[in-house]
Amino acid sequence: MHPHVIQFETRERELQREMQQLRLPERALQPERERQAGAPSRPRMALVTWLGAYAVITIILQFLGPLIAEWPLALRTLLLSGLMVVTLTFAVMPTLTRLFRRFLVDPAH
């Protein structure tokens, strides 16, 4: 065989191996709705998030409201939103998603 033919065949095999590695998993080709079976329903997740945020904001205002009542609005909002996000992220939402696991998964999936 000629050297340039061998080089071409070798490069072709290398490209085929690379293409094989780059192929998307079969599930990546499935419709979005099928792939997310078991994922929380967005409207239900929004409802549970709202419940958690409502509870956290109420508790923060109950205890800190009188102490920060004289603060400028921007500072009160900054403190309230910061405390709410941290509390929701690390304490409230993990607990609520566990408690409402069955409710969150849309039975239509």
PDB file of N, CA and C in Angstrom:
ATOM      1  N   MET A   1       0.823  -1.192   0.000  1.00  0.00           N
ATOM      2  CA  MET A   1       0.000   0.000   0.000  1.00  0.00           C
ATOM      3  C   MET A   1       0.865   1.253   0.000  1.00  0.00           C
ATOM      4  N   HIS A   2       0.306   2.278  -0.510  1.00  0.00           N
ATOM      5  CA  HIS A   2       1.030   3.544  -0.558  1.00  0.00           C
ATOM      6  C   HIS A   2       0.946   4.232   0.800  1.00  0.00           C
ATOM      7  N   PRO A   3       1.998   4.925   1.208  1.00  0.00           N
ATOM      8  CA  PRO A   3       2.017   5.586   2.524  1.00  0.00           C
ATOM      9  C   PRO A   3       0.869   6.567   2.740  1.00  0.00           C
ATOM     10  N   HIS A   4       0.503   7.313   1.705  1.00  0.00           N
ATOM     11  CA  HIS A   4      -0.571   8.291   1.895  1.00  0.00           C
ATOM     12  C   HIS A   4      -1.912   7.598   2.101  1.00  0.00           C
ATOM     13  N   VAL A   5      -2.113   6.408   1.549  1.00  0.00           N
ATOM     14  CA  VAL A   5      -3.352   5.659   1.751  1.00  0.00           C
ATOM     15  C   VAL A   5      -3.410   5.132   3.181  1.00  0.00           C
ATOM     16  N   ILE A   6      -2.296   4.608   3.682  1.00  0.00           N
ATOM     17  CA  ILE A   6      -2.236   4.113   5.060  1.00  0.00           C
ATOM     18  C   ILE A   6      -2.503   5.257   6.022  1.00  0.00           C
ATOM     19  N   GLN A   7      -1.902   6.404   5.763  1.00  0.00           N
ATOM     20  CA  GLN A   7      -2.104   7.572   6.618  1.00  0.00           C
ATOM     21  C   GLN A   7      -3.572   7.985   6.608  1.00  0.00           C
ATOM     22  N   PHE A   8      -4.209   7.961   5.453  1.00  0.00           N
ATOM     23  CA  PHE A   8      -5.616   8.321   5.343  1.00  0.00           C
ATOM     24  C   PHE A   8      -6.488   7.345   6.134  1.00  0.00           C
ATOM     25  N   GLU A   9      -6.223   6.043   5.993  1.00  0.00           N
ATOM     26  CA  GLU A   9      -7.011   5.033   6.706  1.00  0.00           C
ATOM     27  C   GLU A   9      -6.829   5.162   8.217  1.00  0.00           C
ATOM     28  N   THR A  10      -5.628   5.433   8.664  1.00  0.00           N
ATOM     29  CA  THR A  10      -5.358   5.604  10.091  1.00  0.00           C
ATOM     30  C   THR A  10      -6.105   6.825  10.619  1.00  0.00           C
ATOM     31  N   ARG A  11      -6.055   7.901   9.885  1.00  0.00           N
ATOM     32  CA  ARG A  11      -6.754   9.123  10.311  1.00  0.00           C
ATOM     33  C   ARG A  11      -8.261   8.892  10.324  1.00  0.00           C
ATOM     34  N   GLU A  12      -8.761   8.134   9.338  1.00  0.00           N
ATOM     35  CA  GLU A  12     -10.192   7.838   9.296  1.00  0.00           C
ATOM     36  C   GLU A  12     -10.612   7.038  10.536  1.00  0.00           C
ATOM     37  N   ARG A  13      -9.822   6.061  10.932  1.00  0.00           N
ATOM     38  CA  ARG A  13     -10.132   5.288  12.150  1.00  0.00           C
ATOM     39  C   ARG A  13     -10.092   6.169  13.398  1.00  0.00           C
ATOM     40  N   GLU A  14      -9.120   7.062  13.461  1.00  0.00           N
ATOM     41  CA  GLU A  14      -9.043   7.980  14.595  1.00  0.00           C
ATOM     42  C   GLU A  14     -10.286   8.866  14.672  1.00  0.00           C
ATOM     43  N   LEU A  15     -10.711   9.370  13.523  1.00  0.00           N
ATOM     44  CA  LEU A  15     -11.906  10.206  13.489  1.00  0.00           C
ATOM     45  C   LEU A  15     -13.148   9.421  13.898  1.00  0.00           C
ATOM     46  N   GLN A  16     -13.234   8.182  13.466  1.00  0.00           N
ATOM     47  CA  GLN A  16     -14.373   7.350  13.853  1.00  0.00           C
ATOM     48  C   GLN A  16     -14.397   7.130  15.365  1.00  0.00           C
ATOM     49  N   ARG A  17     -13.222   6.878  15.955  1.00  0.00           N
ATOM     50  CA  ARG A  17     -13.152   6.723  17.416  1.00  0.00           C
ATOM     51  C   ARG A  17     -13.582   7.999  18.126  1.00  0.00           C
ATOM     52  N   GLU A  18     -13.120   9.146  17.630  1.00  0.00           N
ATOM     53  CA  GLU A  18     -13.501  10.421  18.234  1.00  0.00           C
ATOM     54  C   GLU A  18     -15.001  10.660  18.121  1.00  0.00           C
ATOM     55  N   MET A  19     -15.571  10.357  16.962  1.00  0.00           N
ATOM     56  CA  MET A  19     -17.010  10.525  16.770  1.00  0.00           C
ATOM     57  C   MET A  19     -17.793   9.613  17.720  1.00  0.00           C
ATOM     58  N   GLN A  20     -17.301   8.410  17.912  1.00  0.00           N
ATOM     59  CA  GLN A  20     -17.953   7.463  18.829  1.00  0.00           C
ATOM     60  C   GLN A  20     -17.967   8.030  20.248  1.00  0.00           C
ATOM     61  N   GLN A  21     -16.880   8.653  20.647  1.00  0.00           N
ATOM     62  CA  GLN A  21     -16.795   9.221  21.990  1.00  0.00           C
ATOM     63  C   GLN A  21     -17.689  10.448  22.139  1.00  0.00           C
ATOM     64  N   LEU A  22     -17.890  11.185  21.056  1.00  0.00           N
ATOM     65  CA  LEU A  22     -18.679  12.412  21.118  1.00  0.00           C
ATOM     66  C   LEU A  22     -20.177  12.181  20.991  1.00  0.00           C
ATOM     67  N   ARG A  23     -20.573  10.994  20.610  1.00  0.00           N
ATOM     68  CA  ARG A  23     -22.001  10.730  20.429  1.00  0.00           C
ATOM     69  C   ARG A  23     -22.750  10.970  21.720  1.00  0.00           C
ATOM     70  N   LEU A  24     -23.893  11.608  21.576  1.00  0.00           N
ATOM     71  CA  LEU A  24     -24.730  11.882  22.741  1.00  0.00           C
ATOM     72  C   LEU A  24     -25.373  10.600  23.222  1.00  0.00           C
ATOM     73  N   PRO A  25     -25.580  10.491  24.516  1.00  0.00           N
ATOM     74  CA  PRO A  25     -26.301   9.330  25.013  1.00  0.00           C
ATOM     75  C   PRO A  25     -27.706   9.285  24.404  1.00  0.00           C
ATOM     76  N   GLU A  26     -28.253   8.103  24.306  1.00  0.00           N
ATOM     77  CA  GLU A  26     -29.573   7.936  23.709  1.00  0.00           C
ATOM     78  C   GLU A  26     -30.620   8.813  24.401  1.00  0.00           C
ATOM     79  N   ARG A  27     -30.525   8.958  25.720  1.00  0.00           N
ATOM     80  CA  ARG A  27     -31.526   9.737  26.441  1.00  0.00           C
ATOM     81  C   ARG A  27     -31.485  11.215  26.068  1.00  0.00           C
ATOM     82  N   ALA A  28     -30.358  11.689  25.554  1.00  0.00           N
ATOM     83  CA  ALA A  28     -30.264  13.097  25.145  1.00  0.00           C
ATOM     84  C   ALA A  28     -31.127  13.367  23.919  1.00  0.00           C
ATOM     85  N   LEU A  29     -31.460  12.338  23.188  1.00  0.00           N
ATOM     86  CA  LEU A  29     -32.271  12.501  21.995  1.00  0.00           C
ATOM     87  C   LEU A  29     -33.763  12.398  22.279  1.00  0.00           C
ATOM     88  N   GLN A  30     -34.111  11.992  23.491  1.00  0.00           N
ATOM     89  CA  GLN A  30     -35.520  11.855  23.847  1.00  0.00           C
ATOM     90  C   GLN A  30     -36.134  13.235  24.065  1.00  0.00           C
ATOM     91  N   PRO A  31     -37.430  13.349  23.871  1.00  0.00           N
ATOM     92  CA  PRO A  31     -38.093  14.632  24.136  1.00  0.00           C
ATOM     93  C   PRO A  31     -37.884  15.064  25.587  1.00  0.00           C
ATOM     94  N   GLU A  32     -37.874  16.365  25.787  1.00  0.00           N
ATOM     95  CA  GLU A  32     -37.637  16.946  27.116  1.00  0.00           C
ATOM     96  C   GLU A  32     -38.593  16.382  28.162  1.00  0.00           C
ATOM     97  N   ARG A  33     -39.846  16.237  27.815  1.00  0.00           N
ATOM     98  CA  ARG A  33     -40.861  15.757  28.771  1.00  0.00           C
ATOM     99  C   ARG A  33     -40.542  14.345  29.248  1.00  0.00           C
ATOM    100  N   GLU A  34     -40.100  13.474  28.329  1.00  0.00           N
ATOM    101  CA  GLU A  34     -39.770  12.103  28.701  1.00  0.00           C
ATOM    102  C   GLU A  34     -38.532  12.055  29.573  1.00  0.00           C
ATOM    103  N   ARG A  35     -37.533  12.871  29.236  1.00  0.00           N
ATOM    104  CA  ARG A  35     -36.287  12.863  29.991  1.00  0.00           C
ATOM    105  C   ARG A  35     -36.474  13.289  31.427  1.00  0.00           C
ATOM    106  N   GLN A  36     -37.414  14.166  31.683  1.00  0.00           N
ATOM    107  CA  GLN A  36     -37.575  14.696  33.019  1.00  0.00           C
ATOM    108  C   GLN A  36     -38.624  13.947  33.822  1.00  0.00           C
ATOM    109  N   ALA A  37     -38.927  12.740  33.443  1.00  0.00           N
ATOM    110  CA  ALA A  37     -39.879  11.953  34.221  1.00  0.00           C
ATOM    111  C   ALA A  37     -39.336  11.828  35.641  1.00  0.00           C
ATOM    112  N   GLY A  38     -40.152  12.125  36.593  1.00  0.00           N
ATOM    113  CA  GLY A  38     -39.729  12.084  37.990  1.00  0.00           C
ATOM    114  C   GLY A  38     -39.221  13.418  38.500  1.00  0.00           C
ATOM    115  N   ALA A  39     -39.014  14.379  37.609  1.00  0.00           N
ATOM    116  CA  ALA A  39     -38.582  15.709  38.037  1.00  0.00           C
ATOM    117  C   ALA A  39     -39.789  16.447  38.617  1.00  0.00           C
ATOM    118  N   PRO A  40     -39.539  17.354  39.548  1.00  0.00           N
ATOM    119  CA  PRO A  40     -40.664  18.085  40.155  1.00  0.00           C
ATOM    120  C   PRO A  40     -41.448  18.895  39.128  1.00  0.00           C
ATOM    121  N   SER A  41     -42.746  18.949  39.325  1.00  0.00           N
ATOM    122  CA  SER A  41     -43.604  19.784  38.499  1.00  0.00           C
ATOM    123  C   SER A  41     -43.264  21.241  38.814  1.00  0.00           C
ATOM    124  N   ARG A  42     -43.049  22.047  37.799  1.00  0.00           N
ATOM    125  CA  ARG A  42     -42.655  23.451  38.023  1.00  0.00           C
ATOM    126  C   ARG A  42     -43.705  24.243  38.786  1.00  0.00           C
ATOM    127  N   PRO A  43     -44.989  24.149  38.419  1.00  0.00           N
ATOM    128  CA  PRO A  43     -45.992  24.908  39.183  1.00  0.00           C
ATOM    129  C   PRO A  43     -46.069  24.450  40.641  1.00  0.00           C
ATOM    130  N   ARG A  44     -45.957  23.159  40.858  1.00  0.00           N
ATOM    131  CA  ARG A  44     -46.006  22.661  42.235  1.00  0.00           C
ATOM    132  C   ARG A  44     -44.762  23.070  43.016  1.00  0.00           C
ATOM    133  N   MET A  45     -43.617  23.060  42.348  1.00  0.00           N
ATOM    134  CA  MET A  45     -42.380  23.497  43.008  1.00  0.00           C
ATOM    135  C   MET A  45     -42.472  24.983  43.351  1.00  0.00           C
ATOM    136  N   ALA A  46     -43.078  25.772  42.472  1.00  0.00           N
ATOM    137  CA  ALA A  46     -43.261  27.200  42.746  1.00  0.00           C
ATOM    138  C   ALA A  46     -44.150  27.392  43.970  1.00  0.00           C
ATOM    139  N   LEU A  47     -45.199  26.597  44.082  1.00  0.00           N
ATOM    140  CA  LEU A  47     -46.097  26.693  45.233  1.00  0.00           C
ATOM    141  C   LEU A  47     -45.376  26.349  46.531  1.00  0.00           C
ATOM    142  N   VAL A  48     -44.610  25.272  46.525  1.00  0.00           N
ATOM    143  CA  VAL A  48     -43.869  24.868  47.729  1.00  0.00           C
ATOM    144  C   VAL A  48     -42.815  25.923  48.072  1.00  0.00           C
ATOM    145  N   THR A  49     -42.152  26.485  47.063  1.00  0.00           N
ATOM    146  CA  THR A  49     -41.160  27.548  47.302  1.00  0.00           C
ATOM    147  C   THR A  49     -41.830  28.774  47.914  1.00  0.00           C
ATOM    148  N   TRP A  50     -42.985  29.138  47.383  1.00  0.00           N
ATOM    149  CA  TRP A  50     -43.721  30.285  47.920  1.00  0.00           C
ATOM    150  C   TRP A  50     -44.101  30.048  49.377  1.00  0.00           C
ATOM    151  N   LEU A  51     -44.567  28.844  49.690  1.00  0.00           N
ATOM    152  CA  LEU A  51     -44.902  28.527  51.088  1.00  0.00           C
ATOM    153  C   LEU A  51     -43.681  28.672  51.991  1.00  0.00           C
ATOM    154  N   GLY A  52     -42.548  28.162  51.531  1.00  0.00           N
ATOM    155  CA  GLY A  52     -41.314  28.276  52.320  1.00  0.00           C
ATOM    156  C   GLY A  52     -40.891  29.720  52.492  1.00  0.00           C
ATOM    157  N   ALA A  53     -40.951  30.504  51.412  1.00  0.00           N
ATOM    158  CA  ALA A  53     -40.557  31.912  51.483  1.00  0.00           C
ATOM    159  C   ALA A  53     -41.489  32.688  52.411  1.00  0.00           C
ATOM    160  N   TYR A  54     -42.775  32.417  52.310  1.00  0.00           N
ATOM    161  CA  TYR A  54     -43.749  33.085  53.178  1.00  0.00           C
ATOM    162  C   TYR A  54     -43.433  32.813  54.648  1.00  0.00           C
ATOM    163  N   ALA A  55     -43.176  31.552  54.969  1.00  0.00           N
ATOM    164  CA  ALA A  55     -42.871  31.184  56.356  1.00  0.00           C
ATOM    165  C   ALA A  55     -41.588  31.859  56.847  1.00  0.00           C
ATOM    166  N   VAL A  56     -40.562  31.838  56.018  1.00  0.00           N
ATOM    167  CA  VAL A  56     -39.280  32.432  56.414  1.00  0.00           C
ATOM    168  C   VAL A  56     -39.414  33.940  56.595  1.00  0.00           C
ATOM    169  N   ILE A  57     -40.065  34.611  55.661  1.00  0.00           N
ATOM    170  CA  ILE A  57     -40.236  36.067  55.769  1.00  0.00           C
ATOM    171  C   ILE A  57     -41.047  36.425  57.012  1.00  0.00           C
ATOM    172  N   THR A  58     -42.106  35.667  57.279  1.00  0.00           N
ATOM    173  CA  THR A  58     -42.933  35.933  58.463  1.00  0.00           C
ATOM    174  C   THR A  58     -42.124  35.787  59.745  1.00  0.00           C
ATOM    175  N   ILE A  59     -41.335  34.732  59.824  1.00  0.00           N
ATOM    176  CA  ILE A  59     -40.520  34.506  61.035  1.00  0.00           C
ATOM    177  C   ILE A  59     -39.462  35.594  61.192  1.00  0.00           C
ATOM    178  N   ILE A  60     -38.790  35.939  60.100  1.00  0.00           N
ATOM    179  CA  ILE A  60     -37.763  36.991  60.179  1.00  0.00           C
ATOM    180  C   ILE A  60     -38.382  38.312  60.618  1.00  0.00           C
ATOM    181  N   LEU A  61     -39.523  38.673  60.033  1.00  0.00           N
ATOM    182  CA  LEU A  61     -40.165  39.938  60.403  1.00  0.00           C
ATOM    183  C   LEU A  61     -40.696  39.915  61.833  1.00  0.00           C
ATOM    184  N   GLN A  62     -41.136  38.753  62.280  1.00  0.00           N
ATOM    185  CA  GLN A  62     -41.627  38.631  63.657  1.00  0.00           C
ATOM    186  C   GLN A  62     -40.521  38.956  64.662  1.00  0.00           C
ATOM    187  N   PHE A  63     -39.333  38.415  64.402  1.00  0.00           N
ATOM    188  CA  PHE A  63     -38.249  38.593  65.373  1.00  0.00           C
ATOM    189  C   PHE A  63     -37.375  39.816  65.114  1.00  0.00           C
ATOM    190  N   LEU A  64     -37.116  40.129  63.859  1.00  0.00           N
ATOM    191  CA  LEU A  64     -36.217  41.243  63.554  1.00  0.00           C
ATOM    192  C   LEU A  64     -36.944  42.521  63.155  1.00  0.00           C
ATOM    193  N   GLY A  65     -38.219  42.403  62.793  1.00  0.00           N
ATOM    194  CA  GLY A  65     -38.986  43.569  62.345  1.00  0.00           C
ATOM    195  C   GLY A  65     -38.878  44.767  63.264  1.00  0.00           C
ATOM    196  N   PRO A  66     -39.155  44.594  64.558  1.00  0.00           N
ATOM    197  CA  PRO A  66     -39.070  45.743  65.470  1.00  0.00           C
ATOM    198  C   PRO A  66     -37.647  46.320  65.579  1.00  0.00           C
ATOM    199  N   LEU A  67     -36.635  45.462  65.465  1.00  0.00           N
ATOM    200  CA  LEU A  67     -35.246  45.922  65.590  1.00  0.00           C
ATOM    201  C   LEU A  67     -34.782  46.712  64.367  1.00  0.00           C
ATOM    202  N   ILE A  68     -35.318  46.381  63.192  1.00  0.00           N
ATOM    203  CA  ILE A  68     -34.852  47.029  61.968  1.00  0.00           C
ATOM    204  C   ILE A  68     -35.880  48.004  61.380  1.00  0.00           C
ATOM    205  N   ALA A  69     -36.934  48.277  62.133  1.00  0.00           N
ATOM    206  CA  ALA A  69     -38.020  49.133  61.635  1.00  0.00           C
ATOM    207  C   ALA A  69     -37.528  50.530  61.245  1.00  0.00           C
ATOM    208  N   GLU A  70     -36.536  51.024  61.933  1.00  0.00           N
ATOM    209  CA  GLU A  70     -36.037  52.376  61.670  1.00  0.00           C
ATOM    210  C   GLU A  70     -34.983  52.418  60.570  1.00  0.00           C
ATOM    211  N   TRP A  71     -34.524  51.266  60.114  1.00  0.00           N
ATOM    212  CA  TRP A  71     -33.498  51.214  59.068  1.00  0.00           C
ATOM    213  C   TRP A  71     -34.081  51.704  57.744  1.00  0.00           C
ATOM    214  N   PRO A  72     -33.246  52.202  56.862  1.00  0.00           N
ATOM    215  CA  PRO A  72     -33.722  52.559  55.514  1.00  0.00           C
ATOM    216  C   PRO A  72     -34.253  51.302  54.799  1.00  0.00           C
ATOM    217  N   LEU A  73     -35.220  51.503  53.941  1.00  0.00           N
ATOM    218  CA  LEU A  73     -35.866  50.390  53.241  1.00  0.00           C
ATOM    219  C   LEU A  73     -34.853  49.492  52.530  1.00  0.00           C
ATOM    220  N   ALA A  74     -33.871  50.087  51.864  1.00  0.00           N
ATOM    221  CA  ALA A  74     -32.884  49.300  51.117  1.00  0.00           C
ATOM    222  C   ALA A  74     -32.115  48.351  52.034  1.00  0.00           C
ATOM    223  N   LEU A  75     -31.751  48.810  53.233  1.00  0.00           N
ATOM    224  CA  LEU A  75     -31.021  47.948  54.169  1.00  0.00           C
ATOM    225  C   LEU A  75     -31.916  46.854  54.740  1.00  0.00           C
ATOM    226  N   ARG A  76     -33.171  47.190  55.050  1.00  0.00           N
ATOM    227  CA  ARG A  76     -34.109  46.167  55.547  1.00  0.00           C
ATOM    228  C   ARG A  76     -34.321  45.088  54.489  1.00  0.00           C
ATOM    229  N   THR A  77     -34.497  45.522  53.251  1.00  0.00           N
ATOM    230  CA  THR A  77     -34.701  44.569  52.160  1.00  0.00           C
ATOM    231  C   THR A  77     -33.460  43.722  51.935  1.00  0.00           C
ATOM    232  N   LEU A  78     -32.296  44.326  52.006  1.00  0.00           N
ATOM    233  CA  LEU A  78     -31.042  43.597  51.843  1.00  0.00           C
ATOM    234  C   LEU A  78     -30.907  42.508  52.908  1.00  0.00           C
ATOM    235  N   LEU A  79     -31.145  42.867  54.162  1.00  0.00           N
ATOM    236  CA  LEU A  79     -31.051  41.889  55.250  1.00  0.00           C
ATOM    237  C   LEU A  79     -32.103  40.787  55.092  1.00  0.00           C
ATOM    238  N   LEU A  80     -33.330  41.188  54.853  1.00  0.00           N
ATOM    239  CA  LEU A  80     -34.418  40.222  54.724  1.00  0.00           C
ATOM    240  C   LEU A  80     -34.182  39.257  53.567  1.00  0.00           C
ATOM    241  N   SER A  81     -33.814  39.775  52.402  1.00  0.00           N
ATOM    242  CA  SER A  81     -33.611  38.893  51.247  1.00  0.00           C
ATOM    243  C   SER A  81     -32.406  37.977  51.436  1.00  0.00           C
ATOM    244  N   GLY A  82     -31.331  38.496  52.012  1.00  0.00           N
ATOM    245  CA  GLY A  82     -30.149  37.670  52.270  1.00  0.00           C
ATOM    246  C   GLY A  82     -30.450  36.529  53.225  1.00  0.00           C
ATOM    247  N   LEU A  83     -31.105  36.865  54.354  1.00  0.00           N
ATOM    248  CA  LEU A  83     -31.463  35.823  55.324  1.00  0.00           C
ATOM    249  C   LEU A  83     -32.439  34.815  54.721  1.00  0.00           C
ATOM    250  N   MET A  84     -33.377  35.318  53.922  1.00  0.00           N
ATOM    251  CA  MET A  84     -34.368  34.427  53.324  1.00  0.00           C
ATOM    252  C   MET A  84     -33.704  33.444  52.355  1.00  0.00           C
ATOM    253  N   VAL A  85     -32.837  33.929  51.475  1.00  0.00           N
ATOM    254  CA  VAL A  85     -32.205  33.056  50.490  1.00  0.00           C
ATOM    255  C   VAL A  85     -31.341  31.998  51.160  1.00  0.00           C
ATOM    256  N   VAL A  86     -30.537  32.402  52.125  1.00  0.00           N
ATOM    257  CA  VAL A  86     -29.670  31.442  52.814  1.00  0.00           C
ATOM    258  C   VAL A  86     -30.507  30.402  53.563  1.00  0.00           C
ATOM    259  N   THR A  87     -31.526  30.859  54.281  1.00  0.00           N
ATOM    260  CA  THR A  87     -32.376  29.940  55.036  1.00  0.00           C
ATOM    261  C   THR A  87     -33.135  28.999  54.113  1.00  0.00           C
ATOM    262  N   LEU A  88     -33.694  29.523  53.027  1.00  0.00           N
ATOM    263  CA  LEU A  88     -34.411  28.665  52.074  1.00  0.00           C
ATOM    264  C   LEU A  88     -33.482  27.641  51.438  1.00  0.00           C
ATOM    265  N   THR A  89     -32.319  28.089  51.004  1.00  0.00           N
ATOM    266  CA  THR A  89     -31.398  27.210  50.287  1.00  0.00           C
ATOM    267  C   THR A  89     -30.884  26.068  51.141  1.00  0.00           C
ATOM    268  N   PHE A  90     -30.477  26.365  52.361  1.00  0.00           N
ATOM    269  CA  PHE A  90     -29.795  25.354  53.154  1.00  0.00           C
ATOM    270  C   PHE A  90     -30.662  24.648  54.189  1.00  0.00           C
ATOM    271  N   ALA A  91     -31.830  25.172  54.498  1.00  0.00           N
ATOM    272  CA  ALA A  91     -32.646  24.535  55.537  1.00  0.00           C
ATOM    273  C   ALA A  91     -34.065  24.232  55.080  1.00  0.00           C
ATOM    274  N   VAL A  92     -34.752  25.237  54.607  1.00  0.00           N
ATOM    275  CA  VAL A  92     -36.191  25.091  54.357  1.00  0.00           C
ATOM    276  C   VAL A  92     -36.491  24.248  53.124  1.00  0.00           C
ATOM    277  N   MET A  93     -35.905  24.578  51.977  1.00  0.00           N
ATOM    278  CA  MET A  93     -36.256  23.867  50.739  1.00  0.00           C
ATOM    279  C   MET A  93     -35.855  22.393  50.755  1.00  0.00           C
ATOM    280  N   PRO A  94     -34.685  22.020  51.261  1.00  0.00           N
ATOM    281  CA  PRO A  94     -34.406  20.581  51.331  1.00  0.00           C
ATOM    282  C   PRO A  94     -35.454  19.833  52.169  1.00  0.00           C
ATOM    283  N   THR A  95     -35.876  20.458  53.260  1.00  0.00           N
ATOM    284  CA  THR A  95     -36.890  19.834  54.121  1.00  0.00           C
ATOM    285  C   THR A  95     -38.237  19.773  53.419  1.00  0.00           C
ATOM    286  N   LEU A  96     -38.644  20.886  52.793  1.00  0.00           N
ATOM    287  CA  LEU A  96     -39.939  20.904  52.116  1.00  0.00           C
ATOM    288  C   LEU A  96     -39.984  19.952  50.924  1.00  0.00           C
ATOM    289  N   THR A  97     -38.900  19.852  50.168  1.00  0.00           N
ATOM    290  CA  THR A  97     -38.919  18.938  49.028  1.00  0.00           C
ATOM    291  C   THR A  97     -38.998  17.487  49.480  1.00  0.00           C
ATOM    292  N   ARG A  98     -38.408  17.179  50.630  1.00  0.00           N
ATOM    293  CA  ARG A  98     -38.550  15.820  51.182  1.00  0.00           C
ATOM    294  C   ARG A  98     -39.984  15.586  51.640  1.00  0.00           C
ATOM    295  N   LEU A  99     -40.545  16.553  52.362  1.00  0.00           N
ATOM    296  CA  LEU A  99     -41.904  16.399  52.889  1.00  0.00           C
ATOM    297  C   LEU A  99     -42.956  16.319  51.785  1.00  0.00           C
ATOM    298  N   PHE A 100     -42.764  17.108  50.723  1.00  0.00           N
ATOM    299  CA  PHE A 100     -43.750  17.178  49.649  1.00  0.00           C
ATOM    300  C   PHE A 100     -43.321  16.400  48.401  1.00  0.00           C
ATOM    301  N   ARG A 101     -42.432  15.428  48.569  1.00  0.00           N
ATOM    302  CA  ARG A 101     -41.899  14.664  47.440  1.00  0.00           C
ATOM    303  C   ARG A 101     -43.009  14.107  46.540  1.00  0.00           C
ATOM    304  N   ARG A 102     -44.011  13.470  47.121  1.00  0.00           N
ATOM    305  CA  ARG A 102     -45.091  12.873  46.321  1.00  0.00           C
ATOM    306  C   ARG A 102     -45.936  13.933  45.628  1.00  0.00           C
ATOM    307  N   PHE A 103     -46.151  15.039  46.303  1.00  0.00           N
ATOM    308  CA  PHE A 103     -46.941  16.127  45.712  1.00  0.00           C
ATOM    309  C   PHE A 103     -46.204  16.760  44.538  1.00  0.00           C
ATOM    310  N   LEU A 104     -44.880  16.892  44.660  1.00  0.00           N
ATOM    311  CA  LEU A 104     -44.092  17.590  43.642  1.00  0.00           C
ATOM    312  C   LEU A 104     -43.990  16.833  42.331  1.00  0.00           C
ATOM    313  N   VAL A 105     -43.979  15.517  42.386  1.00  0.00           N
ATOM    314  CA  VAL A 105     -43.841  14.744  41.149  1.00  0.00           C
ATOM    315  C   VAL A 105     -45.199  14.674  40.468  1.00  0.00           C
ATOM    316  N   ASP A 106     -45.262  15.239  39.310  1.00  0.00           N
ATOM    317  CA  ASP A 106     -46.506  15.309  38.542  1.00  0.00           C
ATOM    318  C   ASP A 106     -46.920  13.907  38.104  1.00  0.00           C
ATOM    319  N   PRO A 107     -48.113  13.453  38.483  1.00  0.00           N
ATOM    320  CA  PRO A 107     -48.542  12.098  38.105  1.00  0.00           C
ATOM    321  C   PRO A 107     -48.711  11.916  36.601  1.00  0.00           C
ATOM    322  N   ALA A 108     -48.768  12.995  35.842  1.00  0.00           N
ATOM    323  CA  ALA A 108     -48.926  12.884  34.390  1.00  0.00           C
ATOM    324  C   ALA A 108     -47.661  12.376  33.711  1.00  0.00           C
ATOM    325  N   HIS A 109     -46.530  12.396  34.424  1.00  0.00           N
ATOM    326  CA  HIS A 109     -45.262  11.931  33.827  1.00  0.00           C
ATOM    327  C   HIS A 109     -45.325  10.462  33.682  1.00  0.00           C
TER     328      HIS A 109
END
